[in-house]
Protein backbone atom coordinates (compact mmCIF):
# COMPACT_ATOMS: atom_id res chain seq x y z
CA MET A 1 9.05 -35.06 34.19
CA ASP A 2 11.93 -37.43 34.73
CA CYS A 3 10.73 -39.88 31.98
CA ILE A 4 13.59 -41.43 29.89
CA PHE A 5 11.11 -41.87 26.80
CA CYS A 6 10.15 -38.03 27.02
CA LYS A 7 13.80 -36.95 27.02
CA ILE A 8 14.63 -39.16 23.84
CA VAL A 9 11.33 -37.24 22.34
CA ASN A 10 12.63 -34.03 23.26
CA GLY A 11 16.13 -34.88 21.98
CA GLU A 12 17.77 -34.72 25.47
CA LEU A 13 19.02 -38.23 25.37
CA PRO A 14 20.10 -40.06 21.99
CA SER A 15 18.44 -43.26 20.33
CA LYS A 16 18.82 -45.01 17.35
CA LYS A 17 15.55 -44.03 15.33
CA VAL A 18 14.09 -46.28 12.45
CA TYR A 19 10.59 -44.06 12.43
CA GLU A 20 9.32 -40.55 13.63
CA ASP A 21 6.67 -38.72 12.58
CA ASP A 22 4.38 -35.48 14.22
CA HIS A 23 2.98 -37.92 16.78
CA VAL A 24 5.41 -41.18 17.53
CA VAL A 25 8.97 -42.34 17.35
CA ALA A 26 10.32 -45.69 17.10
CA PHE A 27 13.90 -46.67 18.20
CA HIS A 28 16.32 -49.46 18.86
CA ASP A 29 15.88 -50.98 22.16
CA ILE A 30 19.47 -51.22 23.86
CA ASN A 31 18.72 -54.39 25.10
CA PRO A 32 17.55 -56.33 22.20
CA ILE A 33 16.07 -59.68 22.47
CA ALA A 34 16.17 -60.37 18.70
CA PRO A 35 17.82 -59.28 15.77
CA VAL A 36 15.11 -56.88 15.46
CA HIS A 37 13.84 -55.11 18.49
CA VAL A 38 12.29 -51.62 18.53
CA LEU A 39 10.43 -49.27 20.60
CA MET A 40 7.56 -47.55 19.42
CA ILE A 41 6.45 -44.70 21.38
CA PRO A 42 3.78 -41.77 21.52
CA LYS A 43 5.31 -38.48 21.86
CA LYS A 44 2.62 -37.63 24.01
CA HIS A 45 3.48 -38.78 27.80
CA ILE A 46 0.99 -41.78 28.64
CA GLN A 47 1.99 -43.94 31.61
CA SER A 48 0.51 -46.97 30.08
CA LEU A 49 -2.15 -48.85 28.18
CA MET A 50 -4.25 -48.63 31.33
CA ALA A 51 -3.80 -44.83 31.25
CA ILE A 52 -5.19 -44.20 27.74
CA GLU A 53 -8.05 -42.02 27.33
CA PRO A 54 -10.96 -41.81 25.28
CA GLU A 55 -9.35 -38.65 23.59
CA ASP A 56 -6.27 -40.87 22.73
CA LYS A 57 -7.97 -43.11 20.57
CA GLU A 58 -6.88 -41.42 17.30
CA LEU A 59 -3.25 -41.07 18.71
CA ILE A 60 -3.35 -44.91 19.50
CA GLY A 61 -4.79 -45.88 15.88
CA HIS A 62 -2.33 -43.75 14.35
CA LEU A 63 0.83 -45.56 16.60
CA HIS A 64 -0.58 -49.05 15.10
CA LEU A 65 -0.50 -47.96 11.59
CA ALA A 66 2.97 -46.33 12.24
CA LEU A 67 4.01 -50.05 13.62
CA GLN A 68 2.83 -51.55 10.33
CA LYS A 69 5.56 -48.87 8.62
CA VAL A 70 8.19 -50.08 10.69
CA ALA A 71 7.49 -53.91 10.34
CA GLU A 72 7.70 -53.29 6.43
CA ALA A 73 10.84 -51.04 6.93
CA LEU A 74 12.61 -53.42 8.69
CA GLU A 75 11.31 -56.31 6.68
CA VAL A 76 9.77 -58.46 9.52
CA LYS A 77 6.19 -58.00 8.05
CA ASP A 78 6.59 -61.43 6.51
CA PRO A 79 7.35 -64.11 7.86
CA GLY A 80 5.97 -62.50 11.16
CA PHE A 81 6.69 -60.57 14.58
CA ARG A 82 5.45 -59.83 17.83
CA VAL A 83 4.01 -56.72 19.44
CA ILE A 84 4.01 -56.45 23.06
CA THR A 85 3.44 -53.92 25.61
CA ASN A 86 4.13 -54.37 29.75
CA ILE A 87 1.72 -52.77 32.09
CA GLY A 88 2.72 -52.29 35.62
CA LYS A 89 4.94 -54.09 38.22
CA HIS A 90 3.78 -57.75 37.68
CA GLY A 91 3.91 -57.17 33.61
CA GLN A 92 7.36 -56.10 34.08
CA GLN A 93 6.87 -52.58 33.07
CA THR A 94 10.12 -50.79 33.60
CA VAL A 95 9.65 -47.29 31.86
CA PHE A 96 6.25 -45.56 32.96
CA HIS A 97 5.66 -44.36 29.39
CA LEU A 98 3.21 -46.36 27.18
CA HIS A 99 5.72 -47.96 24.87
CA TYR A 100 5.40 -51.22 22.30
CA HIS A 101 7.98 -53.48 21.51
CA LEU A 102 8.35 -54.91 18.04
CA ILE A 103 10.23 -57.80 18.01
CA GLY A 104 11.35 -60.23 15.10
CA GLY A 105 14.01 -61.09 12.67
CA LYS A 106 13.77 -64.91 13.83
CA GLN A 107 11.52 -67.28 15.01
CA LEU A 108 10.57 -66.43 18.27
CA GLU A 109 9.62 -68.88 21.14
CA TRP A 110 6.90 -68.63 23.92
CA THR A 111 8.50 -68.82 27.59
CA MET A 112 7.48 -67.95 30.50
C-alpha cells in the first residue's frame, strides 16, 4: 500500500507525534494553518469517513476520546478548537486515509 499515513504508522516515514496508543496516532501537520494543527488517524487504514464500517464503531469512539486527550495536552481544550475531516475530491481530501485535523491556538475564522 502506498499510503503516506500508513507509512507513518509503520515507522517508514518520520512524524512529530503528540499522541500514540495501540489504535491511533496524532502528529503535527507539515503545513499548519494555526498555532496548533495536528492530525489524528486510526492505525487501521480506512479510506475516509464514508468507508467506516459497523465493526469500526469502537475504533472511531476511541479516536474521539483520544482527540480529547490531545486537545487537553496541547492546551486548546479551553477556549476551544476545531476538528475537521475532509471527504473526497470536493471535500479537499488529499490523503485517502481517514484523518481528523485538530486546529486551535488562536481565534479561528470561518472562510470559504
